[in-house]
PDB file of N, CA and C in Angstrom:
ATOM      1  N   MET A   1      58.126 -34.820 -42.797  1.00  0.00           N
ATOM      2  CA  MET A   1      58.774 -34.016 -43.813  1.00  0.00           C
ATOM      3  C   MET A   1      59.344 -34.971 -44.864  1.00  0.00           C
ATOM      4  N   ASN A   2      59.200 -34.607 -46.134  1.00  0.00           N
ATOM      5  CA  ASN A   2      59.706 -35.521 -47.161  1.00  0.00           C
ATOM      6  C   ASN A   2      61.218 -35.372 -47.330  1.00  0.00           C
ATOM      7  N   ARG A   3      61.786 -36.343 -48.010  1.00  0.00           N
ATOM      8  CA  ARG A   3      63.251 -36.449 -48.140  1.00  0.00           C
ATOM      9  C   ARG A   3      63.866 -35.231 -48.820  1.00  0.00           C
ATOM     10  N   ARG A   4      63.206 -34.708 -49.868  1.00  0.00           N
ATOM     11  CA  ARG A   4      63.765 -33.559 -50.595  1.00  0.00           C
ATOM     12  C   ARG A   4      63.888 -32.341 -49.699  1.00  0.00           C
ATOM     13  N   LYS A   5      62.873 -32.067 -48.902  1.00  0.00           N
ATOM     14  CA  LYS A   5      62.927 -30.905 -48.025  1.00  0.00           C
ATOM     15  C   LYS A   5      64.014 -31.067 -46.974  1.00  0.00           C
ATOM     16  N   ILE A   6      64.197 -32.279 -46.470  1.00  0.00           N
ATOM     17  CA  ILE A   6      65.246 -32.529 -45.488  1.00  0.00           C
ATOM     18  C   ILE A   6      66.612 -32.261 -46.100  1.00  0.00           C
ATOM     19  N   ILE A   7      66.825 -32.682 -47.354  1.00  0.00           N
ATOM     20  CA  ILE A   7      68.107 -32.470 -48.023  1.00  0.00           C
ATOM     21  C   ILE A   7      68.371 -30.981 -48.222  1.00  0.00           C
ATOM     22  N   VAL A   8      67.367 -30.226 -48.659  1.00  0.00           N
ATOM     23  CA  VAL A   8      67.543 -28.787 -48.892  1.00  0.00           C
ATOM     24  C   VAL A   8      67.802 -28.060 -47.580  1.00  0.00           C
ATOM     25  N   ILE A   9      67.049 -28.402 -46.549  1.00  0.00           N
ATOM     26  CA  ILE A   9      67.257 -27.763 -45.244  1.00  0.00           C
ATOM     27  C   ILE A   9      68.647 -28.109 -44.719  1.00  0.00           C
ATOM     28  N   GLY A  10      69.085 -29.353 -44.926  1.00  0.00           N
ATOM     29  CA  GLY A  10      70.428 -29.759 -44.517  1.00  0.00           C
ATOM     30  C   GLY A  10      71.499 -28.955 -45.223  1.00  0.00           C
ATOM     31  N   ALA A  11      71.293 -28.680 -46.516  1.00  0.00           N
ATOM     32  CA  ALA A  11      72.257 -27.889 -47.280  1.00  0.00           C
ATOM     33  C   ALA A  11      72.352 -26.467 -46.737  1.00  0.00           C
ATOM     34  N   VAL A  12      71.218 -25.898 -46.376  1.00  0.00           N
ATOM     35  CA  VAL A  12      71.212 -24.543 -45.811  1.00  0.00           C
ATOM     36  C   VAL A  12      71.942 -24.532 -44.473  1.00  0.00           C
ATOM     37  N   LEU A  13      71.674 -25.523 -43.634  1.00  0.00           N
ATOM     38  CA  LEU A  13      72.348 -25.589 -42.342  1.00  0.00           C
ATOM     39  C   LEU A  13      73.849 -25.802 -42.514  1.00  0.00           C
ATOM     40  N   ALA A  14      74.249 -26.607 -43.495  1.00  0.00           N
ATOM     41  CA  ALA A  14      75.667 -26.833 -43.759  1.00  0.00           C
ATOM     42  C   ALA A  14      76.345 -25.539 -44.201  1.00  0.00           C
ATOM     43  N   ALA A  15      75.664 -24.753 -45.030  1.00  0.00           N
ATOM     44  CA  ALA A  15      76.223 -23.476 -45.471  1.00  0.00           C
ATOM     45  C   ALA A  15      76.380 -22.521 -44.294  1.00  0.00           C
ATOM     46  N   ALA A  16      75.404 -22.522 -43.400  1.00  0.00           N
ATOM     47  CA  ALA A  16      75.480 -21.663 -42.222  1.00  0.00           C
ATOM     48  C   ALA A  16      76.623 -22.110 -41.311  1.00  0.00           C
ATOM     49  N   ALA A  17      76.801 -23.411 -41.142  1.00  0.00           N
ATOM     50  CA  ALA A  17      77.869 -23.929 -40.292  1.00  0.00           C
ATOM     51  C   ALA A  17      79.245 -23.683 -40.896  1.00  0.00           C
ATOM     52  N   ALA A  18      79.312 -23.581 -42.221  1.00  0.00           N
ATOM     53  CA  ALA A  18      80.589 -23.373 -42.895  1.00  0.00           C
ATOM     54  C   ALA A  18      81.048 -21.921 -42.828  1.00  0.00           C
ATOM     55  N   GLY A  19      80.292 -21.071 -42.172  1.00  0.00           N
ATOM     56  CA  GLY A  19      80.725 -19.693 -41.994  1.00  0.00           C
ATOM     57  C   GLY A  19      79.994 -18.691 -42.860  1.00  0.00           C
ATOM     58  N   ALA A  20      78.892 -19.079 -43.460  1.00  0.00           N
ATOM     59  CA  ALA A  20      78.112 -18.137 -44.257  1.00  0.00           C
ATOM     60  C   ALA A  20      77.532 -17.077 -43.329  1.00  0.00           C
ATOM     61  N   SER A  21      77.437 -15.863 -43.824  1.00  0.00           N
ATOM     62  CA  SER A  21      76.904 -14.786 -43.006  1.00  0.00           C
ATOM     63  C   SER A  21      75.422 -15.010 -42.738  1.00  0.00           C
ATOM     64  N   PRO A  22      74.872 -14.451 -41.649  1.00  0.00           N
ATOM     65  CA  PRO A  22      73.447 -14.617 -41.368  1.00  0.00           C
ATOM     66  C   PRO A  22      72.566 -14.107 -42.504  1.00  0.00           C
ATOM     67  N   ALA A  23      73.002 -13.042 -43.187  1.00  0.00           N
ATOM     68  CA  ALA A  23      72.204 -12.514 -44.292  1.00  0.00           C
ATOM     69  C   ALA A  23      72.146 -13.512 -45.440  1.00  0.00           C
ATOM     70  N   LEU A  24      73.229 -14.240 -45.674  1.00  0.00           N
ATOM     71  CA  LEU A  24      73.266 -15.225 -46.741  1.00  0.00           C
ATOM     72  C   LEU A  24      72.354 -16.403 -46.429  1.00  0.00           C
ATOM     73  N   ALA A  25      72.162 -16.687 -45.150  1.00  0.00           N
ATOM     74  CA  ALA A  25      71.336 -17.814 -44.745  1.00  0.00           C
ATOM     75  C   ALA A  25      69.845 -17.536 -44.957  1.00  0.00           C
ATOM     76  N   GLN A  26      69.460 -16.294 -45.210  1.00  0.00           N
ATOM     77  CA  GLN A  26      68.059 -15.965 -45.462  1.00  0.00           C
ATOM     78  C   GLN A  26      67.706 -16.406 -46.872  1.00  0.00           C
ATOM     79  N   THR A  27      66.747 -17.297 -46.983  1.00  0.00           N
ATOM     80  CA  THR A  27      66.398 -17.852 -48.285  1.00  0.00           C
ATOM     81  C   THR A  27      64.903 -17.856 -48.504  1.00  0.00           C
ATOM     82  N   THR A  28      64.542 -18.078 -49.754  1.00  0.00           N
ATOM     83  CA  THR A  28      63.158 -18.311 -50.135  1.00  0.00           C
ATOM     84  C   THR A  28      63.123 -19.647 -50.845  1.00  0.00           C
ATOM     85  N   PHE A  29      62.260 -20.538 -50.395  1.00  0.00           N
ATOM     86  CA  PHE A  29      62.104 -21.844 -51.017  1.00  0.00           C
ATOM     87  C   PHE A  29      60.719 -21.948 -51.640  1.00  0.00           C
ATOM     88  N   GLN A  30      60.648 -22.585 -52.805  1.00  0.00           N
ATOM     89  CA  GLN A  30      59.377 -22.868 -53.457  1.00  0.00           C
ATOM     90  C   GLN A  30      59.383 -24.332 -53.884  1.00  0.00           C
ATOM     91  N   ASP A  31      58.290 -25.006 -53.641  1.00  0.00           N
ATOM     92  CA  ASP A  31      58.114 -26.403 -54.025  1.00  0.00           C
ATOM     93  C   ASP A  31      57.203 -26.420 -55.247  1.00  0.00           C
ATOM     94  N   TYR A  32      57.668 -26.993 -56.366  1.00  0.00           N
ATOM     95  CA  TYR A  32      56.911 -26.988 -57.618  1.00  0.00           C
ATOM     96  C   TYR A  32      56.515 -28.394 -58.053  1.00  0.00           C
ATOM     97  N   ARG A  33      55.392 -28.481 -58.749  1.00  0.00           N
ATOM     98  CA  ARG A  33      54.928 -29.706 -59.398  1.00  0.00           C
ATOM     99  C   ARG A  33      54.652 -29.333 -60.857  1.00  0.00           C
ATOM    100  N   CYS A  34      55.167 -30.156 -61.784  1.00  0.00           N
ATOM    101  CA  CYS A  34      55.071 -29.846 -63.207  1.00  0.00           C
ATOM    102  C   CYS A  34      54.054 -30.743 -63.914  1.00  0.00           C
ATOM    103  N   ALA A  35      53.633 -30.301 -65.099  1.00  0.00           N
ATOM    104  CA  ALA A  35      52.635 -31.016 -65.890  1.00  0.00           C
ATOM    105  C   ALA A  35      53.103 -32.407 -66.293  1.00  0.00           C
ATOM    106  N   ASP A  36      54.411 -32.615 -66.453  1.00  0.00           N
ATOM    107  CA  ASP A  36      54.925 -33.930 -66.850  1.00  0.00           C
ATOM    108  C   ASP A  36      55.173 -34.860 -65.658  1.00  0.00           C
ATOM    109  N   GLY A  37      54.798 -34.421 -64.448  1.00  0.00           N
ATOM    110  CA  GLY A  37      54.966 -35.237 -63.256  1.00  0.00           C
ATOM    111  C   GLY A  37      56.220 -34.931 -62.465  1.00  0.00           C
ATOM    112  N   SER A  38      57.093 -34.101 -63.001  1.00  0.00           N
ATOM    113  CA  SER A  38      58.323 -33.720 -62.294  1.00  0.00           C
ATOM    114  C   SER A  38      57.979 -32.887 -61.066  1.00  0.00           C
ATOM    115  N   GLN A  39      58.815 -32.983 -60.055  1.00  0.00           N
ATOM    116  CA  GLN A  39      58.704 -32.149 -58.867  1.00  0.00           C
ATOM    117  C   GLN A  39      60.092 -31.632 -58.533  1.00  0.00           C
ATOM    118  N   PHE A  40      60.154 -30.414 -58.020  1.00  0.00           N
ATOM    119  CA  PHE A  40      61.447 -29.878 -57.605  1.00  0.00           C
ATOM    120  C   PHE A  40      61.249 -28.799 -56.567  1.00  0.00           C
ATOM    121  N   ILE A  41      62.312 -28.538 -55.830  1.00  0.00           N
ATOM    122  CA  ILE A  41      62.349 -27.439 -54.873  1.00  0.00           C
ATOM    123  C   ILE A  41      63.415 -26.482 -55.361  1.00  0.00           C
ATOM    124  N   VAL A  42      63.103 -25.200 -55.353  1.00  0.00           N
ATOM    125  CA  VAL A  42      64.085 -24.195 -55.736  1.00  0.00           C
ATOM    126  C   VAL A  42      64.287 -23.248 -54.557  1.00  0.00           C
ATOM    127  N   GLY A  43      65.544 -22.909 -54.300  1.00  0.00           N
ATOM    128  CA  GLY A  43      65.885 -21.990 -53.228  1.00  0.00           C
ATOM    129  C   GLY A  43      66.649 -20.801 -53.782  1.00  0.00           C
ATOM    130  N   PHE A  44      66.304 -19.630 -53.288  1.00  0.00           N
ATOM    131  CA  PHE A  44      66.991 -18.398 -53.675  1.00  0.00           C
ATOM    132  C   PHE A  44      67.570 -17.769 -52.417  1.00  0.00           C
ATOM    133  N   PHE A  45      68.891 -17.523 -52.428  1.00  0.00           N
ATOM    134  CA  PHE A  45      69.550 -16.867 -51.314  1.00  0.00           C
ATOM    135  C   PHE A  45      69.557 -15.366 -51.572  1.00  0.00           C
ATOM    136  N   GLN A  46      69.491 -14.591 -50.496  1.00  0.00           N
ATOM    137  CA  GLN A  46      69.349 -13.140 -50.609  1.00  0.00           C
ATOM    138  C   GLN A  46      70.459 -12.492 -51.439  1.00  0.00           C
ATOM    139  N   TYR A  47      71.711 -12.875 -51.255  1.00  0.00           N
ATOM    140  CA  TYR A  47      72.817 -12.214 -51.948  1.00  0.00           C
ATOM    141  C   TYR A  47      73.470 -13.112 -52.996  1.00  0.00           C
ATOM    142  N   ASP A  48      72.696 -14.014 -53.574  1.00  0.00           N
ATOM    143  CA  ASP A  48      73.208 -14.940 -54.574  1.00  0.00           C
ATOM    144  C   ASP A  48      72.267 -14.882 -55.774  1.00  0.00           C
ATOM    145  N   LYS A  49      72.802 -14.609 -56.955  1.00  0.00           N
ATOM    146  CA  LYS A  49      71.971 -14.484 -58.155  1.00  0.00           C
ATOM    147  C   LYS A  49      71.558 -15.836 -58.717  1.00  0.00           C
ATOM    148  N   ARG A  50      72.127 -16.920 -58.192  1.00  0.00           N
ATOM    149  CA  ARG A  50      71.829 -18.251 -58.718  1.00  0.00           C
ATOM    150  C   ARG A  50      70.564 -18.835 -58.084  1.00  0.00           C
ATOM    151  N   ALA A  51      70.023 -19.846 -58.756  1.00  0.00           N
ATOM    152  CA  ALA A  51      68.906 -20.624 -58.219  1.00  0.00           C
ATOM    153  C   ALA A  51      69.471 -21.980 -57.819  1.00  0.00           C
ATOM    154  N   HIS A  52      69.065 -22.495 -56.680  1.00  0.00           N
ATOM    155  CA  HIS A  52      69.550 -23.775 -56.183  1.00  0.00           C
ATOM    156  C   HIS A  52      68.386 -24.757 -56.206  1.00  0.00           C
ATOM    157  N   LEU A  53      68.483 -25.763 -57.072  1.00  0.00           N
ATOM    158  CA  LEU A  53      67.409 -26.728 -57.280  1.00  0.00           C
ATOM    159  C   LEU A  53      67.722 -28.062 -56.648  1.00  0.00           C
ATOM    160  N   GLN A  54      66.673 -28.716 -56.179  1.00  0.00           N
ATOM    161  CA  GLN A  54      66.733 -30.109 -55.760  1.00  0.00           C
ATOM    162  C   GLN A  54      65.752 -30.833 -56.671  1.00  0.00           C
ATOM    163  N   ILE A  55      66.276 -31.617 -57.632  1.00  0.00           N
ATOM    164  CA  ILE A  55      65.444 -32.291 -58.617  1.00  0.00           C
ATOM    165  C   ILE A  55      66.012 -33.684 -58.895  1.00  0.00           C
ATOM    166  N   ASP A  56      65.146 -34.648 -59.032  1.00  0.00           N
ATOM    167  CA  ASP A  56      65.548 -36.038 -59.288  1.00  0.00           C
ATOM    168  C   ASP A  56      66.566 -36.531 -58.265  1.00  0.00           C
ATOM    169  N   GLY A  57      66.430 -36.083 -57.025  1.00  0.00           N
ATOM    170  CA  GLY A  57      67.327 -36.524 -55.964  1.00  0.00           C
ATOM    171  C   GLY A  57      68.709 -35.902 -55.999  1.00  0.00           C
ATOM    172  N   LYS A  58      68.910 -34.900 -56.838  1.00  0.00           N
ATOM    173  CA  LYS A  58      70.221 -34.262 -56.970  1.00  0.00           C
ATOM    174  C   LYS A  58      70.105 -32.758 -56.766  1.00  0.00           C
ATOM    175  N   ALA A  59      71.158 -32.172 -56.236  1.00  0.00           N
ATOM    176  CA  ALA A  59      71.234 -30.719 -56.097  1.00  0.00           C
ATOM    177  C   ALA A  59      71.884 -30.154 -57.351  1.00  0.00           C
ATOM    178  N   VAL A  60      71.273 -29.125 -57.927  1.00  0.00           N
ATOM    179  CA  VAL A  60      71.792 -28.479 -59.129  1.00  0.00           C
ATOM    180  C   VAL A  60      71.777 -26.973 -58.898  1.00  0.00           C
ATOM    181  N   THR A  61      72.898 -26.324 -59.173  1.00  0.00           N
ATOM    182  CA  THR A  61      72.968 -24.867 -59.072  1.00  0.00           C
ATOM    183  C   THR A  61      72.847 -24.287 -60.470  1.00  0.00           C
ATOM    184  N   LEU A  62      71.892 -23.382 -60.638  1.00  0.00           N
ATOM    185  CA  LEU A  62      71.627 -22.773 -61.939  1.00  0.00           C
ATOM    186  C   LEU A  62      72.079 -21.323 -61.932  1.00  0.00           C
ATOM    187  N   GLY A  63      72.885 -20.956 -62.903  1.00  0.00           N
ATOM    188  CA  GLY A  63      73.318 -19.568 -63.039  1.00  0.00           C
ATOM    189  C   GLY A  63      72.242 -18.723 -63.697  1.00  0.00           C
ATOM    190  N   LYS A  64      72.188 -17.460 -63.314  1.00  0.00           N
ATOM    191  CA  LYS A  64      71.212 -16.539 -63.907  1.00  0.00           C
ATOM    192  C   LYS A  64      71.648 -16.211 -65.322  1.00  0.00           C
ATOM    193  N   ARG A  65      70.715 -16.256 -66.266  1.00  0.00           N
ATOM    194  CA  ARG A  65      70.978 -15.985 -67.676  1.00  0.00           C
ATOM    195  C   ARG A  65      70.155 -14.786 -68.134  1.00  0.00           C
ATOM    196  N   VAL A  66      70.519 -14.246 -69.266  1.00  0.00           N
ATOM    197  CA  VAL A  66      69.803 -13.109 -69.845  1.00  0.00           C
ATOM    198  C   VAL A  66      68.433 -13.581 -70.313  1.00  0.00           C
ATOM    199  N   ALA A  67      67.401 -12.789 -70.001  1.00  0.00           N
ATOM    200  CA  ALA A  67      66.035 -13.093 -70.428  1.00  0.00           C
ATOM    201  C   ALA A  67      65.362 -11.794 -70.852  1.00  0.00           C
ATOM    202  N   LEU A  68      64.517 -11.874 -71.865  1.00  0.00           N
ATOM    203  CA  LEU A  68      63.801 -10.687 -72.325  1.00  0.00           C
ATOM    204  C   LEU A  68      62.785 -10.220 -71.297  1.00  0.00           C
ATOM    205  N   SER A  69      62.137 -11.156 -70.644  1.00  0.00           N
ATOM    206  CA  SER A  69      61.225 -10.815 -69.552  1.00  0.00           C
ATOM    207  C   SER A  69      61.277 -11.928 -68.523  1.00  0.00           C
ATOM    208  N   GLY A  70      61.052 -11.609 -67.278  1.00  0.00           N
ATOM    209  CA  GLY A  70      61.120 -12.600 -66.217  1.00  0.00           C
ATOM    210  C   GLY A  70      62.563 -12.960 -65.896  1.00  0.00           C
ATOM    211  N   SER A  71      62.749 -14.163 -65.371  1.00  0.00           N
ATOM    212  CA  SER A  71      64.074 -14.643 -64.990  1.00  0.00           C
ATOM    213  C   SER A  71      64.325 -16.002 -65.615  1.00  0.00           C
ATOM    214  N   ARG A  72      65.563 -16.227 -66.024  1.00  0.00           N
ATOM    215  CA  ARG A  72      65.942 -17.521 -66.595  1.00  0.00           C
ATOM    216  C   ARG A  72      67.231 -17.971 -65.941  1.00  0.00           C
ATOM    217  N   TYR A  73      67.259 -19.237 -65.541  1.00  0.00           N
ATOM    218  CA  TYR A  73      68.410 -19.839 -64.888  1.00  0.00           C
ATOM    219  C   TYR A  73      68.725 -21.140 -65.609  1.00  0.00           C
ATOM    220  N   SER A  74      70.014 -21.461 -65.762  1.00  0.00           N
ATOM    221  CA  SER A  74      70.358 -22.737 -66.388  1.00  0.00           C
ATOM    222  C   SER A  74      71.703 -23.244 -65.882  1.00  0.00           C
ATOM    223  N   GLY A  75      71.859 -24.556 -65.979  1.00  0.00           N
ATOM    224  CA  GLY A  75      73.089 -25.218 -65.579  1.00  0.00           C
ATOM    225  C   GLY A  75      72.832 -26.690 -65.359  1.00  0.00           C
ATOM    226  N   GLY A  76      73.830 -27.517 -65.609  1.00  0.00           N
ATOM    227  CA  GLY A  76      73.710 -28.944 -65.359  1.00  0.00           C
ATOM    228  C   GLY A  76      72.607 -29.625 -66.152  1.00  0.00           C
ATOM    229  N   GLY A  77      72.322 -29.115 -67.351  1.00  0.00           N
ATOM    230  CA  GLY A  77      71.277 -29.721 -68.179  1.00  0.00           C
ATOM    231  C   GLY A  77      69.868 -29.333 -67.786  1.00  0.00           C
ATOM    232  N   VAL A  78      69.730 -28.330 -66.908  1.00  0.00           N
ATOM    233  CA  VAL A  78      68.417 -27.879 -66.440  1.00  0.00           C
ATOM    234  C   VAL A  78      68.251 -26.408 -66.781  1.00  0.00           C
ATOM    235  N   THR A  79      67.073 -26.043 -67.297  1.00  0.00           N
ATOM    236  CA  THR A  79      66.740 -24.639 -67.532  1.00  0.00           C
ATOM    237  C   THR A  79      65.424 -24.328 -66.839  1.00  0.00           C
ATOM    238  N   LEU A  80      65.428 -23.294 -66.013  1.00  0.00           N
ATOM    239  CA  LEU A  80      64.244 -22.852 -65.285  1.00  0.00           C
ATOM    240  C   LEU A  80      63.923 -21.431 -65.727  1.00  0.00           C
ATOM    241  N   THR A  81      62.688 -21.213 -66.183  1.00  0.00           N
ATOM    242  CA  THR A  81      62.241 -19.890 -66.612  1.00  0.00           C
ATOM    243  C   THR A  81      61.048 -19.482 -65.760  1.00  0.00           C
ATOM    244  N   ILE A  82      61.151 -18.308 -65.125  1.00  0.00           N
ATOM    245  CA  ILE A  82      60.073 -17.792 -64.280  1.00  0.00           C
ATOM    246  C   ILE A  82      59.646 -16.458 -64.863  1.00  0.00           C
ATOM    247  N   GLY A  83      58.377 -16.358 -65.269  1.00  0.00           N
ATOM    248  CA  GLY A  83      57.892 -15.126 -65.871  1.00  0.00           C
ATOM    249  C   GLY A  83      56.419 -14.905 -65.599  1.00  0.00           C
ATOM    250  N   LYS A  84      55.878 -13.862 -66.202  1.00  0.00           N
ATOM    251  CA  LYS A  84      54.470 -13.544 -66.037  1.00  0.00           C
ATOM    252  C   LYS A  84      53.568 -14.665 -66.538  1.00  0.00           C
ATOM    253  N   ALA A  85      54.008 -15.356 -67.591  1.00  0.00           N
ATOM    254  CA  ALA A  85      53.212 -16.437 -68.178  1.00  0.00           C
ATOM    255  C   ALA A  85      53.288 -17.712 -67.349  1.00  0.00           C
ATOM    256  N   GLY A  86      54.124 -17.751 -66.317  1.00  0.00           N
ATOM    257  CA  GLY A  86      54.253 -18.933 -65.471  1.00  0.00           C
ATOM    258  C   GLY A  86      55.679 -19.411 -65.377  1.00  0.00           C
ATOM    259  N   THR A  87      55.829 -20.582 -64.810  1.00  0.00           N
ATOM    260  CA  THR A  87      57.148 -21.179 -64.617  1.00  0.00           C
ATOM    261  C   THR A  87      57.285 -22.376 -65.542  1.00  0.00           C
ATOM    262  N   ARG A  88      58.417 -22.453 -66.224  1.00  0.00           N
ATOM    263  CA  ARG A  88      58.687 -23.556 -67.150  1.00  0.00           C
ATOM    264  C   ARG A  88      60.010 -24.205 -66.790  1.00  0.00           C
ATOM    265  N   LEU A  89      60.079 -25.524 -66.995  1.00  0.00           N
ATOM    266  CA  LEU A  89      61.270 -26.296 -66.676  1.00  0.00           C
ATOM    267  C   LEU A  89      61.622 -27.207 -67.837  1.00  0.00           C
ATOM    268  N   ARG A  90      62.922 -27.301 -68.149  1.00  0.00           N
ATOM    269  CA  ARG A  90      63.425 -28.278 -69.104  1.00  0.00           C
ATOM    270  C   ARG A  90      64.611 -28.958 -68.443  1.00  0.00           C
ATOM    271  N   HIS A  91      64.541 -30.299 -68.364  1.00  0.00           N
ATOM    272  CA  HIS A  91      65.666 -31.042 -67.792  1.00  0.00           C
ATOM    273  C   HIS A  91      65.744 -32.448 -68.373  1.00  0.00           C
ATOM    274  N   ALA A  92      66.917 -33.003 -68.283  1.00  0.00           N
ATOM    275  CA  ALA A  92      67.184 -34.376 -68.724  1.00  0.00           C
ATOM    276  C   ALA A  92      66.721 -34.620 -70.160  1.00  0.00           C
ATOM    277  N   LYS A  93      66.969 -33.653 -71.038  1.00  0.00           N
ATOM    278  CA  LYS A  93      66.619 -33.750 -72.460  1.00  0.00           C
ATOM    279  C   LYS A  93      65.129 -34.025 -72.691  1.00  0.00           C
ATOM    280  N   ARG A  94      64.308 -33.660 -71.723  1.00  0.00           N
ATOM    281  CA  ARG A  94      62.856 -33.779 -71.875  1.00  0.00           C
ATOM    282  C   ARG A  94      62.323 -32.476 -72.451  1.00  0.00           C
ATOM    283  N   PRO A  95      61.109 -32.510 -73.025  1.00  0.00           N
ATOM    284  CA  PRO A  95      60.518 -31.268 -73.526  1.00  0.00           C
ATOM    285  C   PRO A  95      60.229 -30.286 -72.385  1.00  0.00           C
ATOM    286  N   VAL A  96      60.076 -29.033 -72.736  1.00  0.00           N
ATOM    287  CA  VAL A  96      59.732 -27.996 -71.747  1.00  0.00           C
ATOM    288  C   VAL A  96      58.360 -28.322 -71.166  1.00  0.00           C
ATOM    289  N   THR A  97      58.215 -28.160 -69.850  1.00  0.00           N
ATOM    290  CA  THR A  97      56.950 -28.413 -69.176  1.00  0.00           C
ATOM    291  C   THR A  97      56.607 -27.223 -68.287  1.00  0.00           C
ATOM    292  N   THR A  98      55.332 -26.988 -68.078  1.00  0.00           N
ATOM    293  CA  THR A  98      54.897 -25.899 -67.193  1.00  0.00           C
ATOM    294  C   THR A  98      54.790 -26.434 -65.773  1.00  0.00           C
ATOM    295  N   CYS A  99      55.062 -25.546 -64.807  1.00  0.00           N
ATOM    296  CA  CYS A  99      55.078 -25.940 -63.414  1.00  0.00           C
ATOM    297  C   CYS A  99      54.311 -24.920 -62.576  1.00  0.00           C
ATOM    298  N   VAL A 100      53.740 -25.398 -61.473  1.00  0.00           N
ATOM    299  CA  VAL A 100      53.023 -24.518 -60.545  1.00  0.00           C
ATOM    300  C   VAL A 100      53.523 -24.785 -59.135  1.00  0.00           C
ATOM    301  N   VAL A 101      53.393 -23.782 -58.276  1.00  0.00           N
ATOM    302  CA  VAL A 101      53.810 -23.927 -56.888  1.00  0.00           C
ATOM    303  C   VAL A 101      52.919 -24.969 -56.236  1.00  0.00           C
ATOM    304  N   ASN A 102      53.531 -25.896 -55.555  1.00  0.00           N
ATOM    305  CA  ASN A 102      52.831 -27.012 -54.922  1.00  0.00           C
ATOM    306  C   ASN A 102      52.259 -26.590 -53.590  1.00  0.00           C
TER     307      ASN A 102
END
């Protein structure tokens, strides 16, 4: 298992140990690879509107933002857009890049 997945799984286990309800521990994880070479893992918890990213070796929590279509999350200098046209990522003052599930 690679280091990023271990860190994300560790975070989920830590949340469960800290007293999170079993329903909160139910998550969906997606591993993405982007056109600019970036890679990230995003996790969505069942009762949490935020997206939890592991990118560049750091954990970033993105708040849900208003979007005309699809979903948009941003925070900590990262913007993630998920829509019918695909998934796009902007981080670290880099241009927007398209991403696909790895």
